[in-house]
Amino acid sequence: MAHARVVLKSKKPVVVLFTADWCGPCQQVAPRLEGVAQQHPELLGAKLNVDENPATATKYGIRSLPTMVVFQNGKVAKTITGVKSTTALEKDLVKFLTKAR
């Protein structure tokens, strides 16, 4: 898990999955995000447990889980909500990917 400092200072886009242990759909999305991050080294993936970090979830307006927030140059560049297939996730992230699969 990347620390906030790493996420906000990263030269690469960082996709943070806001999740919770009790969130079944989050458990489905997590390995898909990890797979996309492994396929695309120009992207970093991270998870943040909202139950352990409620202030951060509130700061970024997280209202439903799973939600993924893409940070680029320390700022929110995109928000993706809901369960996504790997293909749909890559499509949502295409502008941050430099390598086609």
PDB file of N, CA and C in Angstrom:
ATOM      1  N   MET A   1       0.843  -1.193   0.000  1.00  0.00           N
ATOM      2  CA  MET A   1       0.000   0.000   0.000  1.00  0.00           C
ATOM      3  C   MET A   1       0.876   1.240   0.000  1.00  0.00           C
ATOM      4  N   ALA A   2       0.635   2.089  -0.935  1.00  0.00           N
ATOM      5  CA  ALA A   2       1.388   3.338  -1.026  1.00  0.00           C
ATOM      6  C   ALA A   2       0.871   4.310   0.033  1.00  0.00           C
ATOM      7  N   HIS A   3       1.787   5.030   0.629  1.00  0.00           N
ATOM      8  CA  HIS A   3       1.407   6.053   1.603  1.00  0.00           C
ATOM      9  C   HIS A   3       0.930   7.297   0.861  1.00  0.00           C
ATOM     10  N   ALA A   4       0.151   8.124   1.528  1.00  0.00           N
ATOM     11  CA  ALA A   4      -0.391   9.336   0.913  1.00  0.00           C
ATOM     12  C   ALA A   4       0.710  10.180   0.286  1.00  0.00           C
ATOM     13  N   ARG A   5       1.840  10.272   0.955  1.00  0.00           N
ATOM     14  CA  ARG A   5       2.973  11.045   0.453  1.00  0.00           C
ATOM     15  C   ARG A   5       3.396  10.519  -0.922  1.00  0.00           C
ATOM     16  N   VAL A   6       3.482   9.191  -1.054  1.00  0.00           N
ATOM     17  CA  VAL A   6       3.886   8.562  -2.311  1.00  0.00           C
ATOM     18  C   VAL A   6       2.838   8.826  -3.389  1.00  0.00           C
ATOM     19  N   VAL A   7       1.570   8.674  -3.043  1.00  0.00           N
ATOM     20  CA  VAL A   7       0.481   8.884  -4.003  1.00  0.00           C
ATOM     21  C   VAL A   7       0.506  10.313  -4.528  1.00  0.00           C
ATOM     22  N   LEU A   8       0.616  11.277  -3.650  1.00  0.00           N
ATOM     23  CA  LEU A   8       0.534  12.677  -4.046  1.00  0.00           C
ATOM     24  C   LEU A   8       1.786  13.184  -4.737  1.00  0.00           C
ATOM     25  N   LYS A   9       2.936  12.531  -4.530  1.00  0.00           N
ATOM     26  CA  LYS A   9       4.182  12.990  -5.142  1.00  0.00           C
ATOM     27  C   LYS A   9       4.616  12.141  -6.340  1.00  0.00           C
ATOM     28  N   SER A  10       3.878  11.082  -6.639  1.00  0.00           N
ATOM     29  CA  SER A  10       4.252  10.166  -7.708  1.00  0.00           C
ATOM     30  C   SER A  10       4.281  10.856  -9.068  1.00  0.00           C
ATOM     31  N   LYS A  11       5.288  10.517  -9.857  1.00  0.00           N
ATOM     32  CA  LYS A  11       5.364  11.014 -11.230  1.00  0.00           C
ATOM     33  C   LYS A  11       4.419  10.202 -12.127  1.00  0.00           C
ATOM     34  N   LYS A  12       4.075   8.993 -11.680  1.00  0.00           N
ATOM     35  CA  LYS A  12       3.147   8.137 -12.412  1.00  0.00           C
ATOM     36  C   LYS A  12       1.729   8.379 -11.901  1.00  0.00           C
ATOM     37  N   PRO A  13       0.719   8.147 -12.743  1.00  0.00           N
ATOM     38  CA  PRO A  13      -0.649   8.174 -12.229  1.00  0.00           C
ATOM     39  C   PRO A  13      -0.824   7.044 -11.201  1.00  0.00           C
ATOM     40  N   VAL A  14      -1.572   7.319 -10.136  1.00  0.00           N
ATOM     41  CA  VAL A  14      -1.827   6.329  -9.091  1.00  0.00           C
ATOM     42  C   VAL A  14      -3.342   6.126  -8.983  1.00  0.00           C
ATOM     43  N   VAL A  15      -3.751   4.865  -9.090  1.00  0.00           N
ATOM     44  CA  VAL A  15      -5.167   4.523  -8.931  1.00  0.00           C
ATOM     45  C   VAL A  15      -5.348   3.991  -7.512  1.00  0.00           C
ATOM     46  N   VAL A  16      -6.112   4.710  -6.706  1.00  0.00           N
ATOM     47  CA  VAL A  16      -6.362   4.296  -5.326  1.00  0.00           C
ATOM     48  C   VAL A  16      -7.767   3.695  -5.253  1.00  0.00           C
ATOM     49  N   LEU A  17      -7.818   2.434  -4.831  1.00  0.00           N
ATOM     50  CA  LEU A  17      -9.098   1.759  -4.621  1.00  0.00           C
ATOM     51  C   LEU A  17      -9.526   2.013  -3.187  1.00  0.00           C
ATOM     52  N   PHE A  18     -10.627   2.745  -3.026  1.00  0.00           N
ATOM     53  CA  PHE A  18     -11.208   2.952  -1.701  1.00  0.00           C
ATOM     54  C   PHE A  18     -12.064   1.722  -1.424  1.00  0.00           C
ATOM     55  N   THR A  19     -11.759   1.015  -0.345  1.00  0.00           N
ATOM     56  CA  THR A  19     -12.327  -0.294  -0.084  1.00  0.00           C
ATOM     57  C   THR A  19     -12.634  -0.465   1.398  1.00  0.00           C
ATOM     58  N   ALA A  20     -13.243  -1.594   1.725  1.00  0.00           N
ATOM     59  CA  ALA A  20     -13.488  -1.981   3.117  1.00  0.00           C
ATOM     60  C   ALA A  20     -13.501  -3.505   3.164  1.00  0.00           C
ATOM     61  N   ASP A  21     -13.122  -4.055   4.300  1.00  0.00           N
ATOM     62  CA  ASP A  21     -13.070  -5.513   4.448  1.00  0.00           C
ATOM     63  C   ASP A  21     -14.435  -6.157   4.208  1.00  0.00           C
ATOM     64  N   TRP A  22     -15.514  -5.477   4.561  1.00  0.00           N
ATOM     65  CA  TRP A  22     -16.867  -6.025   4.448  1.00  0.00           C
ATOM     66  C   TRP A  22     -17.470  -5.859   3.056  1.00  0.00           C
ATOM     67  N   CYS A  23     -16.763  -5.198   2.145  1.00  0.00           N
ATOM     68  CA  CYS A  23     -17.290  -4.861   0.821  1.00  0.00           C
ATOM     69  C   CYS A  23     -16.960  -5.963  -0.191  1.00  0.00           C
ATOM     70  N   GLY A  24     -17.944  -6.818  -0.477  1.00  0.00           N
ATOM     71  CA  GLY A  24     -17.755  -7.904  -1.435  1.00  0.00           C
ATOM     72  C   GLY A  24     -17.355  -7.427  -2.822  1.00  0.00           C
ATOM     73  N   PRO A  25     -18.051  -6.430  -3.385  1.00  0.00           N
ATOM     74  CA  PRO A  25     -17.657  -5.930  -4.699  1.00  0.00           C
ATOM     75  C   PRO A  25     -16.218  -5.391  -4.732  1.00  0.00           C
ATOM     76  N   CYS A  26     -15.773  -4.818  -3.620  1.00  0.00           N
ATOM     77  CA  CYS A  26     -14.390  -4.321  -3.542  1.00  0.00           C
ATOM     78  C   CYS A  26     -13.404  -5.484  -3.689  1.00  0.00           C
ATOM     79  N   GLN A  27     -13.763  -6.623  -3.084  1.00  0.00           N
ATOM     80  CA  GLN A  27     -12.893  -7.804  -3.159  1.00  0.00           C
ATOM     81  C   GLN A  27     -12.812  -8.314  -4.595  1.00  0.00           C
ATOM     82  N   GLN A  28     -13.854  -8.082  -5.396  1.00  0.00           N
ATOM     83  CA  GLN A  28     -13.839  -8.465  -6.805  1.00  0.00           C
ATOM     84  C   GLN A  28     -12.943  -7.542  -7.625  1.00  0.00           C
ATOM     85  N   VAL A  29     -12.991  -6.258  -7.336  1.00  0.00           N
ATOM     86  CA  VAL A  29     -12.267  -5.265  -8.119  1.00  0.00           C
ATOM     87  C   VAL A  29     -10.768  -5.265  -7.801  1.00  0.00           C
ATOM     88  N   ALA A  30     -10.407  -5.513  -6.539  1.00  0.00           N
ATOM     89  CA  ALA A  30      -9.007  -5.399  -6.116  1.00  0.00           C
ATOM     90  C   ALA A  30      -8.048  -6.204  -6.997  1.00  0.00           C
ATOM     91  N   PRO A  31      -8.285  -7.508  -7.253  1.00  0.00           N
ATOM     92  CA  PRO A  31      -7.332  -8.249  -8.087  1.00  0.00           C
ATOM     93  C   PRO A  31      -7.318  -7.764  -9.539  1.00  0.00           C
ATOM     94  N   ARG A  32      -8.427  -7.238 -10.003  1.00  0.00           N
ATOM     95  CA  ARG A  32      -8.466  -6.693 -11.369  1.00  0.00           C
ATOM     96  C   ARG A  32      -7.580  -5.446 -11.468  1.00  0.00           C
ATOM     97  N   LEU A  33      -7.678  -4.579 -10.456  1.00  0.00           N
ATOM     98  CA  LEU A  33      -6.831  -3.387 -10.438  1.00  0.00           C
ATOM     99  C   LEU A  33      -5.364  -3.787 -10.334  1.00  0.00           C
ATOM    100  N   GLU A  34      -5.055  -4.754  -9.470  1.00  0.00           N
ATOM    101  CA  GLU A  34      -3.671  -5.228  -9.350  1.00  0.00           C
ATOM    102  C   GLU A  34      -3.165  -5.757 -10.687  1.00  0.00           C
ATOM    103  N   GLY A  35      -4.004  -6.504 -11.402  1.00  0.00           N
ATOM    104  CA  GLY A  35      -3.621  -7.036 -12.708  1.00  0.00           C
ATOM    105  C   GLY A  35      -3.345  -5.946 -13.719  1.00  0.00           C
ATOM    106  N   VAL A  36      -4.199  -4.927 -13.747  1.00  0.00           N
ATOM    107  CA  VAL A  36      -3.999  -3.800 -14.667  1.00  0.00           C
ATOM    108  C   VAL A  36      -2.687  -3.084 -14.329  1.00  0.00           C
ATOM    109  N   ALA A  37      -2.432  -2.870 -13.045  1.00  0.00           N
ATOM    110  CA  ALA A  37      -1.198  -2.197 -12.627  1.00  0.00           C
ATOM    111  C   ALA A  37       0.037  -3.027 -13.012  1.00  0.00           C
ATOM    112  N   GLN A  38      -0.062  -4.361 -12.916  1.00  0.00           N
ATOM    113  CA  GLN A  38       1.059  -5.221 -13.317  1.00  0.00           C
ATOM    114  C   GLN A  38       1.263  -5.182 -14.829  1.00  0.00           C
ATOM    115  N   GLN A  39       0.177  -5.154 -15.593  1.00  0.00           N
ATOM    116  CA  GLN A  39       0.260  -5.098 -17.060  1.00  0.00           C
ATOM    117  C   GLN A  39       0.779  -3.746 -17.553  1.00  0.00           C
ATOM    118  N   HIS A  40       0.566  -2.720 -16.766  1.00  0.00           N
ATOM    119  CA  HIS A  40       0.902  -1.350 -17.176  1.00  0.00           C
ATOM    120  C   HIS A  40       1.790  -0.701 -16.109  1.00  0.00           C
ATOM    121  N   PRO A  41       3.105  -0.900 -16.214  1.00  0.00           N
ATOM    122  CA  PRO A  41       4.005  -0.366 -15.182  1.00  0.00           C
ATOM    123  C   PRO A  41       4.050   1.162 -15.117  1.00  0.00           C
ATOM    124  N   GLU A  42       3.438   1.824 -16.086  1.00  0.00           N
ATOM    125  CA  GLU A  42       3.386   3.291 -16.040  1.00  0.00           C
ATOM    126  C   GLU A  42       2.299   3.781 -15.093  1.00  0.00           C
ATOM    127  N   LEU A  43       1.609   2.834 -14.455  1.00  0.00           N
ATOM    128  CA  LEU A  43       0.516   3.133 -13.539  1.00  0.00           C
ATOM    129  C   LEU A  43       0.803   2.459 -12.198  1.00  0.00           C
ATOM    130  N   LEU A  44       0.484   3.125 -11.109  1.00  0.00           N
ATOM    131  CA  LEU A  44       0.601   2.510  -9.782  1.00  0.00           C
ATOM    132  C   LEU A  44      -0.795   2.242  -9.235  1.00  0.00           C
ATOM    133  N   GLY A  45      -0.941   1.132  -8.517  1.00  0.00           N
ATOM    134  CA  GLY A  45      -2.203   0.811  -7.873  1.00  0.00           C
ATOM    135  C   GLY A  45      -2.024   0.826  -6.362  1.00  0.00           C
ATOM    136  N   ALA A  46      -3.050   1.245  -5.643  1.00  0.00           N
ATOM    137  CA  ALA A  46      -2.992   1.278  -4.182  1.00  0.00           C
ATOM    138  C   ALA A  46      -4.404   1.050  -3.647  1.00  0.00           C
ATOM    139  N   LYS A  47      -4.490   0.620  -2.389  1.00  0.00           N
ATOM    140  CA  LYS A  47      -5.784   0.437  -1.727  1.00  0.00           C
ATOM    141  C   LYS A  47      -5.817   1.268  -0.460  1.00  0.00           C
ATOM    142  N   LEU A  48      -7.004   1.764  -0.128  1.00  0.00           N
ATOM    143  CA  LEU A  48      -7.181   2.513   1.107  1.00  0.00           C
ATOM    144  C   LEU A  48      -8.458   2.022   1.767  1.00  0.00           C
ATOM    145  N   ASN A  49      -8.336   1.531   2.981  1.00  0.00           N
ATOM    146  CA  ASN A  49      -9.483   1.040   3.740  1.00  0.00           C
ATOM    147  C   ASN A  49     -10.211   2.235   4.355  1.00  0.00           C
ATOM    148  N   VAL A  50     -11.461   2.426   3.938  1.00  0.00           N
ATOM    149  CA  VAL A  50     -12.212   3.596   4.411  1.00  0.00           C
ATOM    150  C   VAL A  50     -12.565   3.521   5.889  1.00  0.00           C
ATOM    151  N   ASP A  51     -12.680   2.296   6.425  1.00  0.00           N
ATOM    152  CA  ASP A  51     -12.980   2.163   7.852  1.00  0.00           C
ATOM    153  C   ASP A  51     -11.787   2.594   8.700  1.00  0.00           C
ATOM    154  N   GLU A  52     -10.583   2.394   8.182  1.00  0.00           N
ATOM    155  CA  GLU A  52      -9.372   2.786   8.899  1.00  0.00           C
ATOM    156  C   GLU A  52      -8.968   4.227   8.600  1.00  0.00           C
ATOM    157  N   ASN A  53      -9.498   4.807   7.533  1.00  0.00           N
ATOM    158  CA  ASN A  53      -9.120   6.159   7.096  1.00  0.00           C
ATOM    159  C   ASN A  53     -10.359   6.975   6.715  1.00  0.00           C
ATOM    160  N   PRO A  54     -11.305   7.145   7.644  1.00  0.00           N
ATOM    161  CA  PRO A  54     -12.548   7.843   7.280  1.00  0.00           C
ATOM    162  C   PRO A  54     -12.335   9.296   6.850  1.00  0.00           C
ATOM    163  N   ALA A  55     -11.361   9.976   7.411  1.00  0.00           N
ATOM    164  CA  ALA A  55     -11.137  11.380   7.050  1.00  0.00           C
ATOM    165  C   ALA A  55     -10.682  11.498   5.594  1.00  0.00           C
ATOM    166  N   THR A  56      -9.856  10.559   5.148  1.00  0.00           N
ATOM    167  CA  THR A  56      -9.389  10.589   3.759  1.00  0.00           C
ATOM    168  C   THR A  56     -10.552  10.302   2.814  1.00  0.00           C
ATOM    169  N   ALA A  57     -11.382   9.326   3.162  1.00  0.00           N
ATOM    170  CA  ALA A  57     -12.551   9.013   2.333  1.00  0.00           C
ATOM    171  C   ALA A  57     -13.471  10.232   2.235  1.00  0.00           C
ATOM    172  N   THR A  58     -13.693  10.916   3.341  1.00  0.00           N
ATOM    173  CA  THR A  58     -14.532  12.109   3.349  1.00  0.00           C
ATOM    174  C   THR A  58     -13.907  13.215   2.510  1.00  0.00           C
ATOM    175  N   LYS A  59     -12.601  13.406   2.649  1.00  0.00           N
ATOM    176  CA  LYS A  59     -11.887  14.457   1.914  1.00  0.00           C
ATOM    177  C   LYS A  59     -12.083  14.314   0.405  1.00  0.00           C
ATOM    178  N   TYR A  60     -12.104  13.067  -0.073  1.00  0.00           N
ATOM    179  CA  TYR A  60     -12.225  12.838  -1.513  1.00  0.00           C
ATOM    180  C   TYR A  60     -13.652  12.499  -1.945  1.00  0.00           C
ATOM    181  N   GLY A  61     -14.622  12.702  -1.059  1.00  0.00           N
ATOM    182  CA  GLY A  61     -16.027  12.578  -1.407  1.00  0.00           C
ATOM    183  C   GLY A  61     -16.474  11.159  -1.741  1.00  0.00           C
ATOM    184  N   ILE A  62     -15.869  10.179  -1.091  1.00  0.00           N
ATOM    185  CA  ILE A  62     -16.225   8.788  -1.350  1.00  0.00           C
ATOM    186  C   ILE A  62     -17.575   8.502  -0.703  1.00  0.00           C
ATOM    187  N   ARG A  63     -18.576   8.174  -1.525  1.00  0.00           N
ATOM    188  CA  ARG A  63     -19.929   7.933  -1.035  1.00  0.00           C
ATOM    189  C   ARG A  63     -20.387   6.505  -1.262  1.00  0.00           C
ATOM    190  N   SER A  64     -19.697   5.779  -2.138  1.00  0.00           N
ATOM    191  CA  SER A  64     -20.060   4.377  -2.374  1.00  0.00           C
ATOM    192  C   SER A  64     -18.788   3.575  -2.635  1.00  0.00           C
ATOM    193  N   LEU A  65     -18.887   2.289  -2.391  1.00  0.00           N
ATOM    194  CA  LEU A  65     -17.747   1.394  -2.590  1.00  0.00           C
ATOM    195  C   LEU A  65     -18.148   0.329  -3.597  1.00  0.00           C
ATOM    196  N   PRO A  66     -17.237  -0.115  -4.421  1.00  0.00           N
ATOM    197  CA  PRO A  66     -15.868   0.379  -4.574  1.00  0.00           C
ATOM    198  C   PRO A  66     -15.821   1.673  -5.397  1.00  0.00           C
ATOM    199  N   THR A  67     -14.891   2.519  -5.037  1.00  0.00           N
ATOM    200  CA  THR A  67     -14.580   3.723  -5.808  1.00  0.00           C
ATOM    201  C   THR A  67     -13.078   3.764  -6.008  1.00  0.00           C
ATOM    202  N   MET A  68     -12.667   4.052  -7.230  1.00  0.00           N
ATOM    203  CA  MET A  68     -11.244   4.224  -7.536  1.00  0.00           C
ATOM    204  C   MET A  68     -11.022   5.682  -7.922  1.00  0.00           C
ATOM    205  N   VAL A  69      -9.988   6.265  -7.367  1.00  0.00           N
ATOM    206  CA  VAL A  69      -9.642   7.641  -7.675  1.00  0.00           C
ATOM    207  C   VAL A  69      -8.253   7.631  -8.291  1.00  0.00           C
ATOM    208  N   VAL A  70      -8.137   8.249  -9.471  1.00  0.00           N
ATOM    209  CA  VAL A  70      -6.843   8.360 -10.140  1.00  0.00           C
ATOM    210  C   VAL A  70      -6.241   9.703  -9.755  1.00  0.00           C
ATOM    211  N   PHE A  71      -5.045   9.639  -9.183  1.00  0.00           N
ATOM    212  CA  PHE A  71      -4.302  10.852  -8.834  1.00  0.00           C
ATOM    213  C   PHE A  71      -3.189  11.027  -9.860  1.00  0.00           C
ATOM    214  N   GLN A  72      -3.090  12.222 -10.406  1.00  0.00           N
ATOM    215  CA  GLN A  72      -2.009  12.541 -11.331  1.00  0.00           C
ATOM    216  C   GLN A  72      -1.446  13.888 -10.908  1.00  0.00           C
ATOM    217  N   ASN A  73      -0.129  13.922 -10.713  1.00  0.00           N
ATOM    218  CA  ASN A  73       0.542  15.138 -10.246  1.00  0.00           C
ATOM    219  C   ASN A  73      -0.073  15.649  -8.950  1.00  0.00           C
ATOM    220  N   GLY A  74      -0.459  14.710  -8.071  1.00  0.00           N
ATOM    221  CA  GLY A  74      -0.971  15.074  -6.752  1.00  0.00           C
ATOM    222  C   GLY A  74      -2.413  15.533  -6.717  1.00  0.00           C
ATOM    223  N   LYS A  75      -3.093  15.492  -7.865  1.00  0.00           N
ATOM    224  CA  LYS A  75      -4.474  15.959  -7.929  1.00  0.00           C
ATOM    225  C   LYS A  75      -5.388  14.844  -8.453  1.00  0.00           C
ATOM    226  N   VAL A  76      -6.669  14.922  -8.093  1.00  0.00           N
ATOM    227  CA  VAL A  76      -7.635  13.960  -8.595  1.00  0.00           C
ATOM    228  C   VAL A  76      -7.829  14.205 -10.089  1.00  0.00           C
ATOM    229  N   ALA A  77      -7.570  13.159 -10.891  1.00  0.00           N
ATOM    230  CA  ALA A  77      -7.710  13.278 -12.340  1.00  0.00           C
ATOM    231  C   ALA A  77      -8.962  12.562 -12.843  1.00  0.00           C
ATOM    232  N   LYS A  78      -9.425  11.560 -12.090  1.00  0.00           N
ATOM    233  CA  LYS A  78     -10.603  10.797 -12.516  1.00  0.00           C
ATOM    234  C   LYS A  78     -11.130  10.001 -11.336  1.00  0.00           C
ATOM    235  N   THR A  79     -12.442   9.815 -11.290  1.00  0.00           N
ATOM    236  CA  THR A  79     -13.084   8.972 -10.284  1.00  0.00           C
ATOM    237  C   THR A  79     -13.892   7.913 -11.017  1.00  0.00           C
ATOM    238  N   ILE A  80     -13.719   6.659 -10.598  1.00  0.00           N
ATOM    239  CA  ILE A  80     -14.409   5.526 -11.206  1.00  0.00           C
ATOM    240  C   ILE A  80     -15.159   4.804 -10.083  1.00  0.00           C
ATOM    241  N   THR A  81     -16.453   4.593 -10.257  1.00  0.00           N
ATOM    242  CA  THR A  81     -17.221   3.913  -9.210  1.00  0.00           C
ATOM    243  C   THR A  81     -17.807   2.613  -9.743  1.00  0.00           C
ATOM    244  N   GLY A  82     -17.980   1.678  -8.830  1.00  0.00           N
ATOM    245  CA  GLY A  82     -18.636   0.426  -9.155  1.00  0.00           C
ATOM    246  C   GLY A  82     -17.674  -0.681  -9.549  1.00  0.00           C
ATOM    247  N   VAL A  83     -18.248  -1.875  -9.689  1.00  0.00           N
ATOM    248  CA  VAL A  83     -17.484  -3.049 -10.089  1.00  0.00           C
ATOM    249  C   VAL A  83     -17.235  -2.963 -11.588  1.00  0.00           C
ATOM    250  N   LYS A  84     -15.998  -3.182 -11.985  1.00  0.00           N
ATOM    251  CA  LYS A  84     -15.615  -3.125 -13.396  1.00  0.00           C
ATOM    252  C   LYS A  84     -14.890  -4.401 -13.772  1.00  0.00           C
ATOM    253  N   SER A  85     -15.106  -4.856 -14.995  1.00  0.00           N
ATOM    254  CA  SER A  85     -14.291  -5.951 -15.520  1.00  0.00           C
ATOM    255  C   SER A  85     -12.904  -5.380 -15.804  1.00  0.00           C
ATOM    256  N   THR A  86     -11.937  -6.258 -16.003  1.00  0.00           N
ATOM    257  CA  THR A  86     -10.583  -5.792 -16.320  1.00  0.00           C
ATOM    258  C   THR A  86     -10.606  -4.948 -17.590  1.00  0.00           C
ATOM    259  N   THR A  87     -11.340  -5.393 -18.610  1.00  0.00           N
ATOM    260  CA  THR A  87     -11.421  -4.663 -19.878  1.00  0.00           C
ATOM    261  C   THR A  87     -12.036  -3.278 -19.676  1.00  0.00           C
ATOM    262  N   ALA A  88     -13.127  -3.210 -18.912  1.00  0.00           N
ATOM    263  CA  ALA A  88     -13.786  -1.924 -18.648  1.00  0.00           C
ATOM    264  C   ALA A  88     -12.870  -1.004 -17.840  1.00  0.00           C
ATOM    265  N   LEU A  89     -12.130  -1.581 -16.907  1.00  0.00           N
ATOM    266  CA  LEU A  89     -11.203  -0.796 -16.099  1.00  0.00           C
ATOM    267  C   LEU A  89     -10.100  -0.207 -16.973  1.00  0.00           C
ATOM    268  N   GLU A  90      -9.536  -1.031 -17.850  1.00  0.00           N
ATOM    269  CA  GLU A  90      -8.511  -0.525 -18.766  1.00  0.00           C
ATOM    270  C   GLU A  90      -9.073   0.574 -19.667  1.00  0.00           C
ATOM    271  N   LYS A  91     -10.306   0.406 -20.114  1.00  0.00           N
ATOM    272  CA  LYS A  91     -10.941   1.419 -20.964  1.00  0.00           C
ATOM    273  C   LYS A  91     -11.101   2.724 -20.184  1.00  0.00           C
ATOM    274  N   ASP A  92     -11.506   2.627 -18.918  1.00  0.00           N
ATOM    275  CA  ASP A  92     -11.648   3.825 -18.079  1.00  0.00           C
ATOM    276  C   ASP A  92     -10.305   4.508 -17.813  1.00  0.00           C
ATOM    277  N   LEU A  93      -9.231   3.723 -17.844  1.00  0.00           N
ATOM    278  CA  LEU A  93      -7.899   4.250 -17.523  1.00  0.00           C
ATOM    279  C   LEU A  93      -7.054   4.542 -18.759  1.00  0.00           C
ATOM    280  N   VAL A  94      -7.624   4.375 -19.956  1.00  0.00           N
ATOM    281  CA  VAL A  94      -6.833   4.426 -21.186  1.00  0.00           C
ATOM    282  C   VAL A  94      -6.016   5.718 -21.324  1.00  0.00           C
ATOM    283  N   LYS A  95      -6.537   6.823 -20.889  1.00  0.00           N
ATOM    284  CA  LYS A  95      -5.780   8.082 -21.056  1.00  0.00           C
ATOM    285  C   LYS A  95      -4.543   8.144 -20.150  1.00  0.00           C
ATOM    286  N   PHE A  96      -4.472   7.235 -19.161  1.00  0.00           N
ATOM    287  CA  PHE A  96      -3.317   7.211 -18.270  1.00  0.00           C
ATOM    288  C   PHE A  96      -2.311   6.120 -18.666  1.00  0.00           C
ATOM    289  N   LEU A  97      -2.668   5.322 -19.664  1.00  0.00           N
ATOM    290  CA  LEU A  97      -1.834   4.206 -20.082  1.00  0.00           C
ATOM    291  C   LEU A  97      -1.066   4.576 -21.334  1.00  0.00           C
ATOM    292  N   THR A  98       0.229   4.269 -21.343  1.00  0.00           N
ATOM    293  CA  THR A  98       1.035   4.581 -22.524  1.00  0.00           C
ATOM    294  C   THR A  98       1.227   3.360 -23.402  1.00  0.00           C
ATOM    295  N   LYS A  99       1.037   2.168 -22.831  1.00  0.00           N
ATOM    296  CA  LYS A  99       1.206   0.928 -23.579  1.00  0.00           C
ATOM    297  C   LYS A  99      -0.145   0.299 -23.862  1.00  0.00           C
ATOM    298  N   ALA A 100      -0.406  -0.004 -25.101  1.00  0.00           N
ATOM    299  CA  ALA A 100      -1.621  -0.780 -25.398  1.00  0.00           C
ATOM    300  C   ALA A 100      -1.336  -2.228 -25.029  1.00  0.00           C
ATOM    301  N   ARG A 101      -2.389  -2.930 -24.645  1.00  0.00           N
ATOM    302  CA  ARG A 101      -2.218  -4.315 -24.227  1.00  0.00           C
ATOM    303  C   ARG A 101      -2.006  -5.231 -25.393  1.00  0.00           C
TER     304      ARG A 101
END
